[in-house]
Amino acid sequence: MNLPSCGASTQLIRTRVSHRIRTATFRDDLVGWLMAGRKRLATPAGEIRFGAGQVFLIPRATQWDLVNEAAPGGVYEARLIGFAPPLIERFHQRFGQFAGVPALQGAAGTAADAAFAATFEHASAALREEPDSSEAMREHRALELLLLLAERGLVFAPARGLAWADRVQRLVGQRPQADWTVEALARAFHLSASTLQRRLAEEGSSVSRCVREVRLEAALALLQQGSGLQVSEIAARCGYDSHSRFSAAFRQRFGFAPSDLRP
């Protein structure tokens, strides 16, 4: 999910194929409205389940094994809004009255009542970059949704700076198909290649690992959107010139082949 400069973005996932995603990583705080089907999030203590019509919140910097189940004879459909750390930070700066509310540590839910539906719809409409929506309006609508959730005791943790792996992944996510070399990324951050590699190594990461993760996550999003694109075209859009190498990397990462998400 690529986020515009306002720091929030909307996405629709719609598929007829039930699927399990192994160790899905969430780098942005996420609010999802499940329209059809069921979602299961695995935790050490068991599973958290959400059904059609329910709202789920997933905090950033968490990993889950998750299952998206299509309704019998129907689809799995979820509408998502993601919030980047800088926007969450702006929320806390503007609404300091929620500083004492414990931040979400794991997934949570809330009711998709009339107030939530109206606020979510307003934010989604603005974030779809409709012609009459300015950047200021998109940010305002996104903050409005965060405020509604905060008043229900659901607050995402403040952001206190991004790790270098997060910075690299966000940059790569803007153009996953590009030829991202260590040198190209280092130039973007005004660093030497050796300095960038050292900072990533200190976090237990690397440039190749960051690029691979972003490309595979971008491919997963395209497959889940039911766009009808061929798997080979999705591979090319995400920076893979070999269909077979892409399929092997995808299976190793998520536990199933990309073709499995095709009816």
Protein backbone atom coordinates (compact mmCIF):
# COMPACT_ATOMS: atom_id res chain seq x y z
CA MET A 1 0.00 0.00 0.00
CA ASN A 2 1.78 3.13 -1.23
CA LEU A 3 0.96 6.20 0.82
CA PRO A 4 0.68 9.73 -0.64
CA SER A 5 2.23 12.73 1.04
CA CYS A 6 -0.72 13.17 3.41
CA GLY A 7 0.40 9.91 5.04
CA ALA A 8 -2.68 7.75 4.49
CA SER A 9 -3.97 5.57 1.69
CA THR A 10 -6.94 3.37 0.92
CA GLN A 11 -6.99 -0.08 -0.64
CA LEU A 12 -9.61 -2.64 -1.63
CA ILE A 13 -8.93 -6.36 -1.32
CA ARG A 14 -11.41 -8.51 -3.21
CA THR A 15 -10.83 -12.15 -4.06
CA ARG A 16 -12.87 -15.32 -4.55
CA VAL A 17 -10.01 -17.48 -3.31
CA SER A 18 -9.52 -18.16 0.40
CA HIS A 19 -5.85 -17.99 1.36
CA ARG A 20 -3.47 -18.07 4.32
CA ILE A 21 -0.56 -15.60 4.48
CA ARG A 22 2.42 -16.61 6.57
CA THR A 23 4.09 -13.92 8.73
CA ALA A 24 2.41 -10.92 7.17
CA THR A 25 4.25 -7.77 8.25
CA PHE A 26 2.37 -4.53 8.90
CA ARG A 27 4.57 -1.45 8.61
CA ASP A 28 1.73 1.05 8.87
CA ASP A 29 -1.16 1.23 11.31
CA LEU A 30 -4.18 -0.27 9.59
CA VAL A 31 -7.93 0.08 9.87
CA GLY A 32 -9.97 -2.44 7.88
CA TRP A 33 -13.68 -2.81 7.29
CA LEU A 34 -14.61 -6.37 6.40
CA MET A 35 -17.42 -6.30 3.85
CA ALA A 36 -17.65 -10.01 2.98
CA GLY A 37 -16.04 -13.22 4.17
CA ARG A 38 -14.01 -13.76 7.33
CA LYS A 39 -10.53 -12.87 8.61
CA ARG A 40 -8.50 -14.80 11.14
CA LEU A 41 -5.33 -13.52 12.82
CA ALA A 42 -3.17 -16.09 14.54
CA THR A 43 -1.51 -15.23 17.86
CA PRO A 44 0.44 -17.35 20.39
CA ALA A 45 -2.71 -17.37 22.53
CA GLY A 46 -5.02 -18.47 19.73
CA GLU A 47 -6.93 -16.74 16.95
CA ILE A 48 -8.69 -13.40 16.64
CA ARG A 49 -11.65 -13.66 14.27
CA PHE A 50 -13.57 -11.02 12.39
CA GLY A 51 -16.72 -11.50 10.33
CA ALA A 52 -18.47 -9.55 7.63
CA GLY A 53 -19.51 -6.10 8.82
CA GLN A 54 -16.82 -5.90 11.51
CA VAL A 55 -13.90 -3.46 11.78
CA PHE A 56 -10.36 -4.56 12.63
CA LEU A 57 -7.35 -2.51 13.68
CA ILE A 58 -3.78 -3.77 13.33
CA PRO A 59 -0.86 -1.72 14.73
CA ARG A 60 2.34 -1.20 12.79
CA ALA A 61 5.52 -3.18 13.44
CA THR A 62 3.56 -6.38 14.06
CA GLN A 63 3.57 -9.73 12.27
CA TRP A 64 0.72 -12.20 11.93
CA ASP A 65 -0.23 -15.41 10.25
CA LEU A 66 -3.56 -14.48 8.75
CA VAL A 67 -6.33 -16.21 6.83
CA ASN A 68 -8.70 -14.42 4.45
CA GLU A 69 -11.75 -16.61 3.86
CA ALA A 70 -14.15 -16.00 1.00
CA ALA A 71 -17.83 -16.39 1.80
CA PRO A 72 -19.26 -19.71 0.54
CA GLY A 73 -19.86 -19.23 -3.16
CA GLY A 74 -18.85 -15.59 -2.85
CA VAL A 75 -15.86 -13.36 -2.15
CA TYR A 76 -13.57 -12.04 0.53
CA GLU A 77 -13.74 -8.25 0.49
CA ALA A 78 -12.10 -5.76 2.81
CA ARG A 79 -11.64 -2.01 2.58
CA LEU A 80 -8.43 -0.77 4.18
CA ILE A 81 -6.97 2.55 5.24
CA GLY A 82 -3.30 2.65 6.23
CA PHE A 83 -1.68 5.39 8.31
CA ALA A 84 2.05 6.09 8.01
CA PRO A 85 4.05 6.88 11.18
CA PRO A 86 4.45 10.61 10.37
CA LEU A 87 0.67 11.00 10.19
CA ILE A 88 0.23 9.16 13.49
CA GLU A 89 2.80 11.54 14.98
CA ARG A 90 0.85 14.55 13.69
CA PHE A 91 -2.29 13.11 15.25
CA HIS A 92 -0.64 12.89 18.68
CA GLN A 93 0.77 16.40 18.36
CA ARG A 94 -2.67 17.79 17.53
CA PHE A 95 -4.70 15.73 20.01
CA GLY A 96 -2.54 15.54 23.09
CA GLN A 97 -5.54 14.67 25.27
CA PHE A 98 -5.09 11.01 24.28
CA ALA A 99 -1.53 10.77 25.63
CA GLY A 100 -2.79 8.81 28.63
CA VAL A 101 -4.76 6.25 26.60
CA PRO A 102 -2.84 2.95 26.34
CA ALA A 103 -1.74 2.39 22.75
CA LEU A 104 -2.81 -0.74 20.90
CA GLN A 105 -0.35 -3.60 21.35
CA GLY A 106 -2.23 -6.11 19.22
CA ALA A 107 -5.20 -6.38 16.92
CA ALA A 108 -8.51 -4.94 18.08
CA GLY A 109 -12.01 -4.38 16.73
CA THR A 110 -14.86 -1.93 16.87
CA ALA A 111 -18.41 -1.65 15.62
CA ALA A 112 -19.12 -0.52 12.07
CA ASP A 113 -21.96 1.69 13.30
CA ALA A 114 -23.36 4.71 11.49
CA ALA A 115 -20.75 7.10 12.89
CA PHE A 116 -17.86 4.87 11.87
CA ALA A 117 -19.32 4.17 8.43
CA ALA A 118 -19.79 7.86 7.66
CA THR A 119 -16.29 8.80 8.85
CA PHE A 120 -14.65 5.90 7.04
CA GLU A 121 -16.53 6.69 3.82
CA HIS A 122 -15.50 10.36 3.97
CA ALA A 123 -11.85 9.40 4.48
CA SER A 124 -11.91 6.79 1.72
CA ALA A 125 -13.48 9.17 -0.75
CA ALA A 126 -10.86 11.83 -0.08
CA LEU A 127 -7.95 9.37 -0.15
CA ARG A 128 -9.00 8.00 -3.52
CA GLU A 129 -7.69 11.35 -4.74
CA GLU A 130 -10.94 12.59 -6.16
CA PRO A 131 -10.50 15.80 -8.19
CA ASP A 132 -12.00 18.06 -5.54
CA SER A 133 -9.94 16.60 -2.64
CA SER A 134 -6.90 18.67 -1.71
CA GLU A 135 -3.92 17.28 0.17
CA ALA A 136 -5.09 19.21 3.24
CA MET A 137 -8.57 17.68 2.97
CA ARG A 138 -7.16 14.16 2.65
CA GLU A 139 -5.10 14.60 5.80
CA HIS A 140 -8.05 16.15 7.64
CA ARG A 141 -10.33 13.23 6.76
CA ALA A 142 -7.69 10.69 7.79
CA LEU A 143 -7.19 12.44 11.14
CA GLU A 144 -10.95 12.54 11.61
CA LEU A 145 -11.07 8.74 11.46
CA LEU A 146 -8.19 8.45 13.94
CA LEU A 147 -10.01 10.85 16.26
CA LEU A 148 -13.23 8.81 16.15
CA LEU A 149 -11.28 5.67 17.04
CA ALA A 150 -9.36 7.45 19.81
CA GLU A 151 -12.61 8.55 21.42
CA ARG A 152 -13.49 4.84 21.56
CA GLY A 153 -10.22 4.11 23.37
CA LEU A 154 -8.44 2.79 20.26
CA VAL A 155 -5.18 4.68 19.80
CA PHE A 156 -2.17 3.79 17.69
CA ALA A 157 1.21 4.34 19.35
CA PRO A 158 3.11 7.57 18.62
CA ALA A 159 5.91 7.36 16.08
CA ARG A 160 9.38 8.26 17.25
CA GLY A 161 11.40 7.97 14.04
CA LEU A 162 11.75 5.21 11.49
CA ALA A 163 14.29 2.42 11.41
CA TRP A 164 16.55 2.39 8.36
CA ALA A 165 14.90 -0.76 7.03
CA ASP A 166 11.55 1.05 7.15
CA ARG A 167 12.99 4.03 5.29
CA VAL A 168 14.42 1.83 2.56
CA GLN A 169 11.21 -0.17 2.20
CA ARG A 170 9.09 2.96 1.92
CA LEU A 171 11.33 4.33 -0.81
CA VAL A 172 11.37 1.05 -2.73
CA GLY A 173 7.58 0.79 -2.36
CA GLN A 174 7.14 3.89 -4.52
CA ARG A 175 8.66 2.04 -7.51
CA PRO A 176 9.10 -1.67 -6.74
CA GLN A 177 9.90 -2.44 -10.38
CA ALA A 178 12.96 -0.17 -10.46
CA ASP A 179 16.54 -1.46 -10.41
CA TRP A 180 17.26 -0.71 -6.75
CA THR A 181 20.99 -1.05 -6.11
CA VAL A 182 22.79 -0.28 -2.89
CA GLU A 183 24.36 2.74 -4.56
CA ALA A 184 21.02 4.11 -5.81
CA LEU A 185 19.41 3.81 -2.40
CA ALA A 186 22.40 5.32 -0.63
CA ARG A 187 22.31 8.34 -2.94
CA ALA A 188 18.63 8.85 -2.15
CA PHE A 189 19.51 9.14 1.56
CA HIS A 190 22.69 11.16 0.96
CA LEU A 191 24.80 8.36 2.42
CA SER A 192 27.66 6.26 1.20
CA ALA A 193 26.82 2.69 0.19
CA SER A 194 28.93 1.32 3.05
CA THR A 195 27.16 3.51 5.62
CA LEU A 196 23.71 2.41 4.47
CA GLN A 197 24.75 -1.24 4.52
CA ARG A 198 26.19 -0.85 8.02
CA ARG A 199 23.04 0.81 9.38
CA LEU A 200 20.85 -1.91 7.93
CA ALA A 201 23.16 -4.63 9.25
CA GLU A 202 22.88 -3.13 12.73
CA GLU A 203 19.12 -3.71 12.46
CA GLY A 204 19.60 -7.26 11.19
CA SER A 205 18.56 -6.35 7.66
CA SER A 206 20.06 -5.69 4.23
CA VAL A 207 19.21 -3.90 0.99
CA SER A 208 18.41 -7.13 -0.85
CA ARG A 209 16.13 -8.28 1.95
CA CYS A 210 14.26 -4.96 2.02
CA VAL A 211 13.81 -4.87 -1.76
CA ARG A 212 12.65 -8.50 -1.95
CA GLU A 213 10.12 -8.04 0.86
CA VAL A 214 8.58 -4.92 -0.69
CA ARG A 215 8.34 -6.48 -4.15
CA LEU A 216 6.63 -9.61 -2.87
CA GLU A 217 4.21 -7.62 -0.72
CA ALA A 218 3.35 -5.44 -3.74
CA ALA A 219 2.70 -8.59 -5.77
CA LEU A 220 0.46 -9.99 -3.03
CA ALA A 221 -1.58 -6.78 -3.01
CA LEU A 222 -2.08 -6.93 -6.79
CA LEU A 223 -3.15 -10.56 -6.60
CA GLN A 224 -5.62 -9.83 -3.80
CA GLN A 225 -7.23 -6.96 -5.66
CA GLY A 226 -8.71 -9.27 -8.28
CA SER A 227 -7.31 -7.11 -11.08
CA GLY A 228 -7.25 -9.96 -13.59
CA LEU A 229 -3.57 -9.37 -14.39
CA GLN A 230 -1.58 -12.43 -15.42
CA VAL A 231 0.91 -13.65 -12.84
CA SER A 232 3.75 -12.95 -15.28
CA GLU A 233 2.62 -9.33 -15.66
CA ILE A 234 2.41 -8.90 -11.89
CA ALA A 235 5.93 -10.31 -11.60
CA ALA A 236 7.21 -7.78 -14.14
CA ARG A 237 5.43 -4.89 -12.42
CA CYS A 238 7.14 -5.84 -9.17
CA GLY A 239 10.66 -6.02 -10.55
CA TYR A 240 11.00 -9.70 -11.52
CA ASP A 241 12.13 -10.57 -15.05
CA SER A 242 11.67 -14.30 -14.43
CA HIS A 243 8.20 -15.76 -13.84
CA SER A 244 9.61 -18.93 -12.28
CA ARG A 245 12.00 -17.08 -9.96
CA PHE A 246 9.16 -14.82 -8.84
CA SER A 247 6.84 -17.78 -8.16
CA ALA A 248 9.52 -19.58 -6.16
CA ALA A 249 10.29 -16.48 -4.06
CA PHE A 250 6.58 -15.83 -3.50
CA ARG A 251 5.93 -19.42 -2.36
CA GLN A 252 8.91 -19.35 -0.02
CA ARG A 253 7.74 -16.07 1.54
CA PHE A 254 4.00 -16.65 1.86
CA GLY A 255 3.63 -20.42 1.80
CA PHE A 256 1.59 -20.72 -1.40
CA ALA A 257 2.06 -20.05 -5.11
CA PRO A 258 0.81 -16.77 -6.66
CA SER A 259 -1.36 -18.80 -9.02
CA ASP A 260 -3.27 -20.13 -5.99
CA LEU A 261 -4.98 -16.74 -5.72
CA ARG A 262 -6.49 -17.20 -9.16
CA PRO A 263 -9.93 -18.91 -9.30
